[in-house]
């Protein structure tokens, strides 16, 4: 692997690791939010702070890229990876903000179930970022992220179909929950995008 061990390029790996750790913290905060549905506005505010921190880290990556002549891998891939990580965090914060803005009484069991999968996916993304210089250790994490994305797809399809078939659910609640489940599904989709990009980077530089 020609790019993994260049010591002067460590700052990129540090920043990617920080971004992934911030996502992990956000996922933990969000799971606590749905499991302990109290002080919702305060928890949503905490997630907004984490999103702002993620934006700052992304800006740091871009700034460092602009200052760097040599990079650990392709400049376009660095930008794409930074952007994809930022999108994951945006989706998590967007989910949490909708629980607050929509005036949800309490999260559904499926909502909690999916959020647990989101947290596991966030753990795997963090592991992948920390092992970015050691591609031989990445494969299992990337495969599990893809498997978890498939699980969430199945859950959201079932619960969305149930929303439309249950005539007792008010139309307003149907719209709210359809949007909430979509946000959760998009969160794991973006994590799979991160995994796929990492696999592409490894393939290009092997």
N, C-alpha and C. Protein backbone atom coordinates (compact mmCIF):
# COMPACT_ATOMS: atom_id res chain seq x y z
N UNK A 1 0.84 -1.18 0.00
CA UNK A 1 0.00 0.00 0.00
C UNK A 1 0.89 1.24 0.00
N UNK A 2 0.81 2.06 -1.00
CA UNK A 2 1.80 3.09 -1.17
C UNK A 2 1.54 4.36 -0.36
N UNK A 3 0.31 4.53 0.21
CA UNK A 3 0.05 5.80 0.83
C UNK A 3 -0.17 5.74 2.33
N UNK A 4 -0.32 4.55 2.89
CA UNK A 4 -0.80 4.46 4.27
C UNK A 4 0.22 4.91 5.32
N UNK A 5 1.50 4.83 5.02
CA UNK A 5 2.48 5.01 6.08
C UNK A 5 3.22 6.35 6.02
N UNK A 6 2.81 7.26 5.19
CA UNK A 6 3.52 8.53 5.08
C UNK A 6 3.31 9.38 6.33
N UNK A 7 4.35 9.60 7.15
CA UNK A 7 4.16 10.27 8.44
C UNK A 7 3.69 11.70 8.33
N UNK A 8 4.08 12.43 7.29
CA UNK A 8 3.69 13.83 7.17
C UNK A 8 2.23 14.00 6.81
N UNK A 9 1.57 12.92 6.49
CA UNK A 9 0.17 12.99 6.08
C UNK A 9 -0.78 12.56 7.19
N UNK A 10 -0.24 12.38 8.41
CA UNK A 10 -1.05 11.88 9.50
C UNK A 10 -2.22 12.79 9.85
N UNK A 11 -2.10 14.09 9.61
CA UNK A 11 -3.15 15.02 9.99
C UNK A 11 -4.48 14.67 9.33
N UNK A 12 -4.46 14.21 8.09
CA UNK A 12 -5.71 13.80 7.45
C UNK A 12 -6.36 12.64 8.21
N UNK A 13 -5.56 11.66 8.59
CA UNK A 13 -6.10 10.51 9.30
C UNK A 13 -6.65 10.92 10.67
N UNK A 14 -5.96 11.84 11.33
CA UNK A 14 -6.43 12.34 12.63
C UNK A 14 -7.78 13.03 12.48
N UNK A 15 -7.91 13.85 11.46
CA UNK A 15 -9.16 14.59 11.26
C UNK A 15 -10.31 13.66 10.88
N UNK A 16 -10.05 12.67 10.04
CA UNK A 16 -11.08 11.70 9.70
C UNK A 16 -11.51 10.92 10.93
N UNK A 17 -10.55 10.56 11.78
CA UNK A 17 -10.86 9.86 13.01
C UNK A 17 -11.70 10.73 13.94
N UNK A 18 -11.37 12.01 14.03
CA UNK A 18 -12.16 12.94 14.85
C UNK A 18 -13.59 13.04 14.34
N UNK A 19 -13.73 13.12 13.02
CA UNK A 19 -15.07 13.21 12.43
C UNK A 19 -15.90 11.97 12.76
N UNK A 20 -15.29 10.79 12.63
CA UNK A 20 -16.00 9.55 12.92
C UNK A 20 -16.34 9.42 14.40
N UNK A 21 -15.43 9.85 15.27
CA UNK A 21 -15.69 9.81 16.71
C UNK A 21 -16.85 10.73 17.08
N UNK A 22 -16.92 11.87 16.41
CA UNK A 22 -18.02 12.81 16.63
C UNK A 22 -19.35 12.21 16.20
N UNK A 23 -19.34 11.47 15.09
CA UNK A 23 -20.54 10.76 14.63
C UNK A 23 -20.96 9.72 15.66
N UNK A 24 -19.99 8.98 16.18
CA UNK A 24 -20.27 7.97 17.20
C UNK A 24 -20.93 8.60 18.42
N UNK A 25 -20.38 9.73 18.88
CA UNK A 25 -20.97 10.44 20.03
C UNK A 25 -22.39 10.88 19.72
N UNK A 26 -22.62 11.38 18.52
CA UNK A 26 -23.96 11.82 18.12
C UNK A 26 -24.94 10.64 18.12
N UNK A 27 -24.50 9.50 17.62
CA UNK A 27 -25.37 8.32 17.60
C UNK A 27 -25.70 7.85 19.01
N UNK A 28 -24.71 7.89 19.91
CA UNK A 28 -24.96 7.53 21.31
C UNK A 28 -25.97 8.49 21.94
N UNK A 29 -25.79 9.78 21.67
CA UNK A 29 -26.70 10.79 22.21
C UNK A 29 -28.11 10.60 21.68
N UNK A 30 -28.21 10.26 20.41
CA UNK A 30 -29.51 10.07 19.78
C UNK A 30 -30.21 8.82 20.31
N UNK A 31 -29.45 7.76 20.54
CA UNK A 31 -30.05 6.55 21.10
C UNK A 31 -30.56 6.82 22.51
N UNK A 32 -29.78 7.55 23.30
CA UNK A 32 -30.25 7.93 24.63
C UNK A 32 -31.52 8.76 24.54
N UNK A 33 -31.59 9.59 23.54
CA UNK A 33 -32.78 10.44 23.34
C UNK A 33 -34.03 9.60 23.13
N UNK A 34 -33.95 8.57 22.27
CA UNK A 34 -35.14 7.77 21.96
C UNK A 34 -35.45 6.75 23.05
N UNK A 35 -34.44 6.32 23.79
CA UNK A 35 -34.68 5.37 24.87
C UNK A 35 -35.17 6.07 26.14
N UNK A 36 -34.71 7.30 26.35
CA UNK A 36 -35.12 8.08 27.51
C UNK A 36 -35.67 9.41 27.00
N UNK A 37 -36.94 9.35 26.60
CA UNK A 37 -37.53 10.46 25.85
C UNK A 37 -37.97 11.58 26.80
N UNK A 38 -36.98 12.17 27.44
CA UNK A 38 -37.19 13.30 28.32
C UNK A 38 -36.18 14.39 27.94
N UNK A 39 -36.46 15.63 28.31
CA UNK A 39 -35.57 16.75 27.98
C UNK A 39 -35.17 16.71 26.51
N UNK A 40 -36.19 16.52 25.68
CA UNK A 40 -35.97 16.29 24.25
C UNK A 40 -35.31 17.50 23.58
N UNK A 41 -35.77 18.69 23.92
CA UNK A 41 -35.20 19.88 23.29
C UNK A 41 -33.73 20.05 23.65
N UNK A 42 -33.38 19.76 24.91
CA UNK A 42 -31.98 19.86 25.33
C UNK A 42 -31.10 18.87 24.59
N UNK A 43 -31.60 17.65 24.42
CA UNK A 43 -30.83 16.62 23.71
C UNK A 43 -30.71 16.97 22.23
N UNK A 44 -31.77 17.50 21.66
CA UNK A 44 -31.70 17.93 20.26
C UNK A 44 -30.69 19.07 20.11
N UNK A 45 -30.63 19.95 21.11
CA UNK A 45 -29.64 21.02 21.09
C UNK A 45 -28.23 20.50 21.17
N UNK A 46 -28.03 19.46 21.98
CA UNK A 46 -26.71 18.83 22.07
C UNK A 46 -26.30 18.24 20.72
N UNK A 47 -27.24 17.64 20.03
CA UNK A 47 -26.94 17.07 18.71
C UNK A 47 -26.63 18.17 17.69
N UNK A 48 -27.29 19.31 17.84
CA UNK A 48 -26.98 20.44 16.96
C UNK A 48 -25.55 20.91 17.19
N UNK A 49 -25.11 20.90 18.44
CA UNK A 49 -23.72 21.27 18.75
C UNK A 49 -22.74 20.28 18.12
N UNK A 50 -23.08 19.00 18.18
CA UNK A 50 -22.21 17.99 17.58
C UNK A 50 -22.17 18.14 16.06
N UNK A 51 -23.31 18.51 15.47
CA UNK A 51 -23.32 18.76 14.03
C UNK A 51 -22.40 19.94 13.69
N UNK A 52 -22.44 20.99 14.51
CA UNK A 52 -21.57 22.15 14.29
C UNK A 52 -20.11 21.76 14.41
N UNK A 53 -19.81 20.89 15.38
CA UNK A 53 -18.43 20.42 15.51
C UNK A 53 -18.03 19.63 14.27
N UNK A 54 -18.94 18.82 13.75
CA UNK A 54 -18.66 18.08 12.53
C UNK A 54 -18.36 19.00 11.36
N UNK A 55 -19.13 20.08 11.26
CA UNK A 55 -18.88 21.06 10.20
C UNK A 55 -17.48 21.66 10.34
N UNK A 56 -17.09 21.96 11.58
CA UNK A 56 -15.76 22.53 11.82
C UNK A 56 -14.67 21.56 11.39
N UNK A 57 -14.83 20.27 11.73
CA UNK A 57 -13.82 19.27 11.35
C UNK A 57 -13.75 19.16 9.82
N UNK A 58 -14.91 19.19 9.16
CA UNK A 58 -14.92 19.13 7.70
C UNK A 58 -14.18 20.32 7.11
N UNK A 59 -14.40 21.50 7.66
CA UNK A 59 -13.69 22.69 7.18
C UNK A 59 -12.19 22.57 7.41
N UNK A 60 -11.81 21.94 8.53
CA UNK A 60 -10.39 21.72 8.82
C UNK A 60 -9.76 20.79 7.78
N UNK A 61 -10.50 19.76 7.39
CA UNK A 61 -9.99 18.82 6.38
C UNK A 61 -9.79 19.55 5.05
N UNK A 62 -10.77 20.36 4.66
CA UNK A 62 -10.67 21.09 3.40
C UNK A 62 -9.51 22.08 3.46
N UNK A 63 -9.38 22.79 4.58
CA UNK A 63 -8.30 23.76 4.72
C UNK A 63 -6.94 23.08 4.65
N UNK A 64 -6.81 21.94 5.32
CA UNK A 64 -5.55 21.20 5.30
C UNK A 64 -5.25 20.68 3.90
N UNK A 65 -6.28 20.28 3.20
CA UNK A 65 -6.11 19.81 1.82
C UNK A 65 -5.58 20.94 0.94
N UNK A 66 -6.13 22.13 1.12
CA UNK A 66 -5.70 23.29 0.32
C UNK A 66 -4.26 23.68 0.61
N UNK A 67 -3.78 23.34 1.81
CA UNK A 67 -2.41 23.70 2.20
C UNK A 67 -1.40 22.60 1.88
N UNK A 68 -1.88 21.43 1.46
CA UNK A 68 -1.01 20.26 1.31
C UNK A 68 -0.67 20.01 -0.15
N UNK A 69 0.62 19.81 -0.40
CA UNK A 69 1.06 19.44 -1.74
C UNK A 69 0.93 17.94 -1.95
N UNK A 70 1.33 17.16 -0.91
CA UNK A 70 1.21 15.71 -0.95
C UNK A 70 0.03 15.29 -0.06
N UNK A 71 -0.72 14.31 -0.52
CA UNK A 71 -1.87 13.79 0.24
C UNK A 71 -1.78 12.27 0.32
N UNK A 72 -2.41 11.67 1.34
CA UNK A 72 -2.30 10.21 1.50
C UNK A 72 -3.01 9.41 0.43
N UNK A 73 -4.03 10.02 -0.17
CA UNK A 73 -4.70 9.42 -1.34
C UNK A 73 -5.34 10.56 -2.12
N UNK A 74 -6.08 10.25 -3.15
CA UNK A 74 -6.56 11.24 -4.10
C UNK A 74 -7.30 12.41 -3.45
N UNK A 75 -7.04 13.60 -3.92
CA UNK A 75 -7.67 14.78 -3.36
C UNK A 75 -9.19 14.72 -3.48
N UNK A 76 -9.67 14.21 -4.61
CA UNK A 76 -11.12 14.11 -4.79
C UNK A 76 -11.73 13.12 -3.81
N UNK A 77 -10.97 12.07 -3.47
CA UNK A 77 -11.47 11.09 -2.51
C UNK A 77 -11.45 11.65 -1.09
N UNK A 78 -10.48 12.48 -0.77
CA UNK A 78 -10.44 13.14 0.54
C UNK A 78 -11.67 14.03 0.69
N UNK A 79 -11.98 14.81 -0.32
CA UNK A 79 -13.15 15.68 -0.28
C UNK A 79 -14.44 14.87 -0.17
N UNK A 80 -14.52 13.79 -0.95
CA UNK A 80 -15.73 12.96 -0.93
C UNK A 80 -15.92 12.30 0.43
N UNK A 81 -14.83 11.80 1.02
CA UNK A 81 -14.93 11.14 2.32
C UNK A 81 -15.34 12.14 3.40
N UNK A 82 -14.75 13.32 3.37
CA UNK A 82 -15.13 14.36 4.34
C UNK A 82 -16.60 14.72 4.18
N UNK A 83 -17.05 14.86 2.93
CA UNK A 83 -18.44 15.22 2.67
C UNK A 83 -19.41 14.13 3.10
N UNK A 84 -19.05 12.88 2.83
CA UNK A 84 -19.93 11.78 3.21
C UNK A 84 -20.07 11.65 4.72
N UNK A 85 -18.97 11.83 5.44
CA UNK A 85 -19.03 11.79 6.91
C UNK A 85 -19.91 12.92 7.42
N UNK A 86 -19.79 14.08 6.82
CA UNK A 86 -20.60 15.23 7.22
C UNK A 86 -22.09 14.96 6.97
N UNK A 87 -22.40 14.28 5.88
CA UNK A 87 -23.79 13.96 5.57
C UNK A 87 -24.38 12.98 6.58
N UNK A 88 -23.58 12.04 7.06
CA UNK A 88 -24.05 11.12 8.10
C UNK A 88 -24.52 11.91 9.31
N UNK A 89 -23.69 12.83 9.75
CA UNK A 89 -24.01 13.64 10.92
C UNK A 89 -25.24 14.51 10.69
N UNK A 90 -25.36 15.05 9.49
CA UNK A 90 -26.54 15.86 9.14
C UNK A 90 -27.82 15.03 9.27
N UNK A 91 -27.76 13.78 8.82
CA UNK A 91 -28.94 12.92 8.88
C UNK A 91 -29.31 12.59 10.33
N UNK A 92 -28.32 12.31 11.17
CA UNK A 92 -28.61 12.03 12.58
C UNK A 92 -29.26 13.23 13.25
N UNK A 93 -28.67 14.40 13.03
CA UNK A 93 -29.23 15.62 13.62
C UNK A 93 -30.62 15.90 13.06
N UNK A 94 -30.81 15.66 11.77
CA UNK A 94 -32.12 15.89 11.16
C UNK A 94 -33.19 14.99 11.74
N UNK A 95 -32.83 13.75 12.03
CA UNK A 95 -33.77 12.82 12.68
C UNK A 95 -34.15 13.34 14.06
N UNK A 96 -33.15 13.72 14.85
CA UNK A 96 -33.42 14.19 16.21
C UNK A 96 -34.26 15.46 16.21
N UNK A 97 -33.95 16.37 15.31
CA UNK A 97 -34.69 17.63 15.27
C UNK A 97 -36.15 17.41 14.89
N UNK A 98 -36.41 16.41 14.06
CA UNK A 98 -37.79 16.14 13.66
C UNK A 98 -38.59 15.52 14.81
N UNK A 99 -37.96 14.70 15.63
CA UNK A 99 -38.65 14.19 16.81
C UNK A 99 -39.12 15.35 17.68
N UNK A 100 -38.30 16.37 17.75
CA UNK A 100 -38.62 17.55 18.57
C UNK A 100 -39.65 18.43 17.87
N UNK A 101 -39.39 18.76 16.62
CA UNK A 101 -40.25 19.70 15.88
C UNK A 101 -41.66 19.14 15.63
N UNK A 102 -41.75 17.82 15.42
CA UNK A 102 -43.03 17.21 15.11
C UNK A 102 -43.89 16.96 16.35
N UNK A 103 -43.34 17.22 17.53
CA UNK A 103 -44.11 17.01 18.76
C UNK A 103 -44.48 15.56 19.00
N UNK A 104 -43.52 14.66 18.73
CA UNK A 104 -43.76 13.22 18.91
C UNK A 104 -43.95 12.91 20.40
N UNK A 105 -45.00 12.12 20.72
CA UNK A 105 -45.26 11.75 22.11
C UNK A 105 -44.17 10.83 22.66
N UNK A 106 -43.84 9.82 21.87
CA UNK A 106 -42.77 8.91 22.25
C UNK A 106 -42.33 8.13 21.01
N UNK A 107 -41.06 7.75 20.95
CA UNK A 107 -40.57 6.97 19.80
C UNK A 107 -41.20 5.57 19.80
N UNK A 108 -41.37 5.02 18.62
CA UNK A 108 -41.90 3.66 18.48
C UNK A 108 -40.80 2.64 18.76
N UNK A 109 -41.16 1.39 19.06
CA UNK A 109 -40.14 0.35 19.24
C UNK A 109 -39.23 0.20 18.02
N UNK A 110 -39.81 0.34 16.81
CA UNK A 110 -39.00 0.24 15.59
C UNK A 110 -38.00 1.39 15.49
N UNK A 111 -38.40 2.54 15.95
CA UNK A 111 -37.53 3.71 15.95
C UNK A 111 -36.30 3.43 16.83
N UNK A 112 -36.55 2.88 18.01
CA UNK A 112 -35.46 2.54 18.93
C UNK A 112 -34.59 1.43 18.32
N UNK A 113 -35.24 0.43 17.72
CA UNK A 113 -34.50 -0.67 17.11
C UNK A 113 -33.56 -0.18 16.02
N UNK A 114 -34.06 0.70 15.15
CA UNK A 114 -33.22 1.21 14.07
C UNK A 114 -32.10 2.08 14.62
N UNK A 115 -32.40 2.87 15.66
CA UNK A 115 -31.37 3.73 16.23
C UNK A 115 -30.24 2.92 16.83
N UNK A 116 -30.54 1.74 17.37
CA UNK A 116 -29.49 0.85 17.87
C UNK A 116 -28.59 0.38 16.71
N UNK A 117 -29.20 0.14 15.56
CA UNK A 117 -28.42 -0.25 14.39
C UNK A 117 -27.58 0.92 13.90
N UNK A 118 -28.15 2.12 13.96
CA UNK A 118 -27.38 3.32 13.60
C UNK A 118 -26.15 3.44 14.49
N UNK A 119 -26.32 3.22 15.78
CA UNK A 119 -25.18 3.31 16.69
C UNK A 119 -24.13 2.27 16.35
N UNK A 120 -24.55 1.05 16.08
CA UNK A 120 -23.58 0.01 15.71
C UNK A 120 -22.86 0.40 14.41
N UNK A 121 -23.58 0.93 13.47
CA UNK A 121 -22.96 1.37 12.22
C UNK A 121 -21.96 2.49 12.48
N UNK A 122 -22.30 3.40 13.39
CA UNK A 122 -21.39 4.49 13.74
C UNK A 122 -20.11 3.95 14.38
N UNK A 123 -20.25 2.93 15.22
CA UNK A 123 -19.07 2.30 15.82
C UNK A 123 -18.17 1.72 14.74
N UNK A 124 -18.78 1.10 13.75
CA UNK A 124 -18.00 0.49 12.67
C UNK A 124 -17.33 1.54 11.79
N UNK A 125 -18.02 2.65 11.54
CA UNK A 125 -17.42 3.74 10.78
C UNK A 125 -16.21 4.29 11.53
N UNK A 126 -16.35 4.44 12.84
CA UNK A 126 -15.22 4.92 13.65
C UNK A 126 -14.05 3.95 13.59
N UNK A 127 -14.34 2.66 13.69
CA UNK A 127 -13.28 1.65 13.59
C UNK A 127 -12.59 1.72 12.24
N UNK A 128 -13.40 1.90 11.18
CA UNK A 128 -12.83 1.97 9.83
C UNK A 128 -11.91 3.18 9.69
N UNK A 129 -12.33 4.32 10.23
CA UNK A 129 -11.50 5.52 10.13
C UNK A 129 -10.18 5.35 10.90
N UNK A 130 -10.25 4.69 12.04
CA UNK A 130 -9.03 4.49 12.84
C UNK A 130 -8.09 3.48 12.18
N UNK A 131 -8.65 2.61 11.33
CA UNK A 131 -7.84 1.60 10.65
C UNK A 131 -7.56 1.96 9.20
N UNK A 132 -7.78 3.22 8.86
CA UNK A 132 -7.65 3.62 7.45
C UNK A 132 -6.26 3.39 6.90
N UNK A 133 -5.25 3.43 7.77
CA UNK A 133 -3.88 3.18 7.33
C UNK A 133 -3.55 1.69 7.28
N UNK A 134 -4.50 0.86 7.70
CA UNK A 134 -4.27 -0.59 7.74
C UNK A 134 -5.41 -1.29 7.00
N UNK A 135 -5.42 -1.23 5.69
CA UNK A 135 -6.56 -1.70 4.89
C UNK A 135 -6.91 -3.16 5.08
N UNK A 136 -5.94 -3.98 5.49
CA UNK A 136 -6.23 -5.40 5.69
C UNK A 136 -7.20 -5.62 6.85
N UNK A 137 -7.35 -4.61 7.72
CA UNK A 137 -8.23 -4.73 8.88
C UNK A 137 -9.60 -4.09 8.65
N UNK A 138 -9.84 -3.62 7.45
CA UNK A 138 -11.07 -2.88 7.16
C UNK A 138 -12.22 -3.75 6.68
N UNK A 139 -11.91 -4.86 6.03
CA UNK A 139 -12.92 -5.61 5.28
C UNK A 139 -14.14 -5.98 6.12
N UNK A 140 -13.94 -6.53 7.31
CA UNK A 140 -15.06 -7.00 8.11
C UNK A 140 -15.98 -5.87 8.52
N UNK A 141 -15.39 -4.73 8.90
CA UNK A 141 -16.21 -3.57 9.29
C UNK A 141 -17.06 -3.09 8.12
N UNK A 142 -16.46 -3.02 6.94
CA UNK A 142 -17.18 -2.53 5.76
C UNK A 142 -18.32 -3.47 5.38
N UNK A 143 -18.08 -4.78 5.48
CA UNK A 143 -19.13 -5.76 5.17
C UNK A 143 -20.28 -5.67 6.16
N UNK A 144 -19.96 -5.46 7.43
CA UNK A 144 -21.02 -5.38 8.45
C UNK A 144 -21.86 -4.12 8.26
N UNK A 145 -21.24 -3.02 7.87
CA UNK A 145 -22.01 -1.79 7.61
C UNK A 145 -23.03 -2.05 6.50
N UNK A 146 -22.62 -2.73 5.45
CA UNK A 146 -23.53 -3.05 4.35
C UNK A 146 -24.67 -3.96 4.83
N UNK A 147 -24.34 -4.93 5.67
CA UNK A 147 -25.36 -5.84 6.20
C UNK A 147 -26.37 -5.10 7.06
N UNK A 148 -25.90 -4.17 7.87
CA UNK A 148 -26.78 -3.38 8.73
C UNK A 148 -27.69 -2.48 7.90
N UNK A 149 -27.17 -1.94 6.80
CA UNK A 149 -27.99 -1.12 5.92
C UNK A 149 -29.15 -1.93 5.35
N UNK A 150 -28.87 -3.18 5.00
CA UNK A 150 -29.93 -4.06 4.49
C UNK A 150 -30.99 -4.33 5.56
N UNK A 151 -30.55 -4.52 6.80
CA UNK A 151 -31.49 -4.73 7.90
C UNK A 151 -32.42 -3.54 8.07
N UNK A 152 -31.86 -2.34 8.04
CA UNK A 152 -32.67 -1.14 8.20
C UNK A 152 -33.64 -0.99 7.05
N UNK A 153 -33.21 -1.30 5.84
CA UNK A 153 -34.12 -1.26 4.68
C UNK A 153 -35.34 -2.14 4.93
N UNK A 154 -35.12 -3.34 5.41
CA UNK A 154 -36.23 -4.28 5.66
C UNK A 154 -37.17 -3.76 6.73
N UNK A 155 -36.60 -3.23 7.80
CA UNK A 155 -37.43 -2.72 8.90
C UNK A 155 -38.26 -1.54 8.44
N UNK A 156 -37.64 -0.60 7.75
CA UNK A 156 -38.36 0.61 7.34
C UNK A 156 -39.44 0.30 6.30
N UNK A 157 -39.17 -0.67 5.43
CA UNK A 157 -40.20 -1.04 4.45
C UNK A 157 -41.43 -1.61 5.16
N UNK A 158 -41.19 -2.47 6.12
CA UNK A 158 -42.30 -3.10 6.85
C UNK A 158 -43.10 -2.07 7.65
N UNK A 159 -42.40 -1.22 8.37
CA UNK A 159 -43.10 -0.27 9.23
C UNK A 159 -43.79 0.81 8.40
N UNK A 160 -43.22 1.20 7.26
CA UNK A 160 -43.87 2.18 6.40
C UNK A 160 -45.13 1.59 5.77
N UNK A 161 -45.05 0.34 5.35
CA UNK A 161 -46.24 -0.32 4.80
C UNK A 161 -47.34 -0.40 5.85
N UNK A 162 -46.96 -0.68 7.09
CA UNK A 162 -47.94 -0.75 8.17
C UNK A 162 -48.60 0.60 8.41
N UNK A 163 -47.84 1.67 8.29
CA UNK A 163 -48.40 3.01 8.45
C UNK A 163 -49.53 3.26 7.45
N UNK A 164 -49.31 2.84 6.20
CA UNK A 164 -50.30 3.12 5.15
C UNK A 164 -51.50 2.17 5.21
N UNK A 165 -51.31 1.02 5.84
CA UNK A 165 -52.42 0.05 5.89
C UNK A 165 -53.26 0.19 7.15
N UNK A 166 -52.75 0.87 8.15
CA UNK A 166 -53.49 1.05 9.40
C UNK A 166 -54.38 2.29 9.27
N UNK A 167 -55.66 2.06 9.08
CA UNK A 167 -56.61 3.15 8.85
C UNK A 167 -56.84 4.00 10.10
N UNK A 168 -56.40 3.50 11.27
CA UNK A 168 -56.62 4.25 12.51
C UNK A 168 -55.57 5.35 12.73
N UNK A 169 -54.52 5.33 11.93
CA UNK A 169 -53.46 6.32 12.09
C UNK A 169 -53.87 7.61 11.38
N UNK A 170 -53.91 8.72 12.10
CA UNK A 170 -54.24 10.01 11.46
C UNK A 170 -53.24 10.36 10.36
N UNK A 171 -53.73 11.02 9.33
CA UNK A 171 -52.87 11.36 8.19
C UNK A 171 -51.66 12.18 8.62
N UNK A 172 -51.85 13.08 9.58
CA UNK A 172 -50.75 13.91 10.06
C UNK A 172 -49.65 13.05 10.67
N UNK A 173 -50.05 12.06 11.49
CA UNK A 173 -49.06 11.17 12.12
C UNK A 173 -48.37 10.31 11.07
N UNK A 174 -49.11 9.89 10.07
CA UNK A 174 -48.51 9.09 8.99
C UNK A 174 -47.38 9.88 8.32
N UNK A 175 -47.66 11.15 8.01
CA UNK A 175 -46.65 11.99 7.35
C UNK A 175 -45.43 12.17 8.24
N UNK A 176 -45.68 12.43 9.52
CA UNK A 176 -44.58 12.62 10.46
C UNK A 176 -43.67 11.40 10.53
N UNK A 177 -44.30 10.23 10.74
CA UNK A 177 -43.48 9.03 10.94
C UNK A 177 -42.83 8.55 9.64
N UNK A 178 -43.49 8.77 8.52
CA UNK A 178 -42.85 8.43 7.25
C UNK A 178 -41.55 9.22 7.08
N UNK A 179 -41.58 10.51 7.43
CA UNK A 179 -40.39 11.36 7.34
C UNK A 179 -39.32 10.92 8.35
N UNK A 180 -39.74 10.57 9.54
CA UNK A 180 -38.78 10.16 10.58
C UNK A 180 -38.08 8.86 10.18
N UNK A 181 -38.85 7.88 9.71
CA UNK A 181 -38.23 6.62 9.29
C UNK A 181 -37.32 6.82 8.08
N UNK A 182 -37.72 7.72 7.20
CA UNK A 182 -36.88 8.00 6.04
C UNK A 182 -35.54 8.58 6.47
N UNK A 183 -35.56 9.45 7.46
CA UNK A 183 -34.31 10.03 7.97
C UNK A 183 -33.40 8.95 8.54
N UNK A 184 -33.97 8.03 9.29
CA UNK A 184 -33.17 6.94 9.84
C UNK A 184 -32.58 6.08 8.73
N UNK A 185 -33.40 5.77 7.73
CA UNK A 185 -32.91 4.97 6.61
C UNK A 185 -31.80 5.70 5.87
N UNK A 186 -31.96 7.00 5.66
CA UNK A 186 -30.93 7.77 4.97
C UNK A 186 -29.63 7.82 5.76
N UNK A 187 -29.74 7.83 7.09
CA UNK A 187 -28.53 7.84 7.93
C UNK A 187 -27.67 6.63 7.65
N UNK A 188 -28.29 5.46 7.62
CA UNK A 188 -27.53 4.23 7.39
C UNK A 188 -27.10 4.14 5.93
N UNK A 189 -27.90 4.68 5.02
CA UNK A 189 -27.48 4.75 3.61
C UNK A 189 -26.19 5.54 3.46
N UNK A 190 -26.11 6.68 4.16
CA UNK A 190 -24.91 7.51 4.07
C UNK A 190 -23.70 6.81 4.70
N UNK A 191 -23.94 6.01 5.72
CA UNK A 191 -22.85 5.24 6.31
C UNK A 191 -22.34 4.19 5.33
N UNK A 192 -23.27 3.58 4.58
CA UNK A 192 -22.84 2.63 3.56
C UNK A 192 -22.07 3.35 2.46
N UNK A 193 -22.46 4.60 2.14
CA UNK A 193 -21.69 5.39 1.18
C UNK A 193 -20.25 5.56 1.65
N UNK A 194 -20.07 5.83 2.95
CA UNK A 194 -18.73 5.96 3.51
C UNK A 194 -17.96 4.65 3.33
N UNK A 195 -18.61 3.52 3.66
CA UNK A 195 -17.95 2.22 3.54
C UNK A 195 -17.56 1.93 2.10
N UNK A 196 -18.46 2.23 1.16
CA UNK A 196 -18.16 1.98 -0.25
C UNK A 196 -17.01 2.85 -0.75
N UNK A 197 -16.97 4.09 -0.29
CA UNK A 197 -15.88 4.98 -0.69
C UNK A 197 -14.55 4.50 -0.14
N UNK A 198 -14.54 4.05 1.11
CA UNK A 198 -13.31 3.52 1.68
C UNK A 198 -12.83 2.32 0.87
N UNK A 199 -13.75 1.44 0.49
CA UNK A 199 -13.38 0.26 -0.31
C UNK A 199 -12.79 0.70 -1.65
N UNK A 200 -13.37 1.73 -2.25
CA UNK A 200 -12.84 2.25 -3.53
C UNK A 200 -11.43 2.83 -3.34
N UNK A 201 -11.22 3.56 -2.25
CA UNK A 201 -9.92 4.16 -1.99
C UNK A 201 -8.86 3.08 -1.82
N UNK A 202 -9.20 2.04 -1.07
CA UNK A 202 -8.27 0.93 -0.88
C UNK A 202 -7.93 0.28 -2.22
N UNK A 203 -8.98 0.05 -3.04
CA UNK A 203 -8.75 -0.60 -4.34
C UNK A 203 -7.86 0.25 -5.24
N UNK A 204 -8.07 1.55 -5.23
CA UNK A 204 -7.28 2.44 -6.08
C UNK A 204 -5.81 2.48 -5.67
N UNK A 205 -5.54 2.31 -4.40
CA UNK A 205 -4.19 2.52 -3.88
C UNK A 205 -3.49 1.24 -3.45
N UNK A 206 -4.04 0.10 -3.88
CA UNK A 206 -3.42 -1.18 -3.53
C UNK A 206 -2.41 -1.60 -4.60
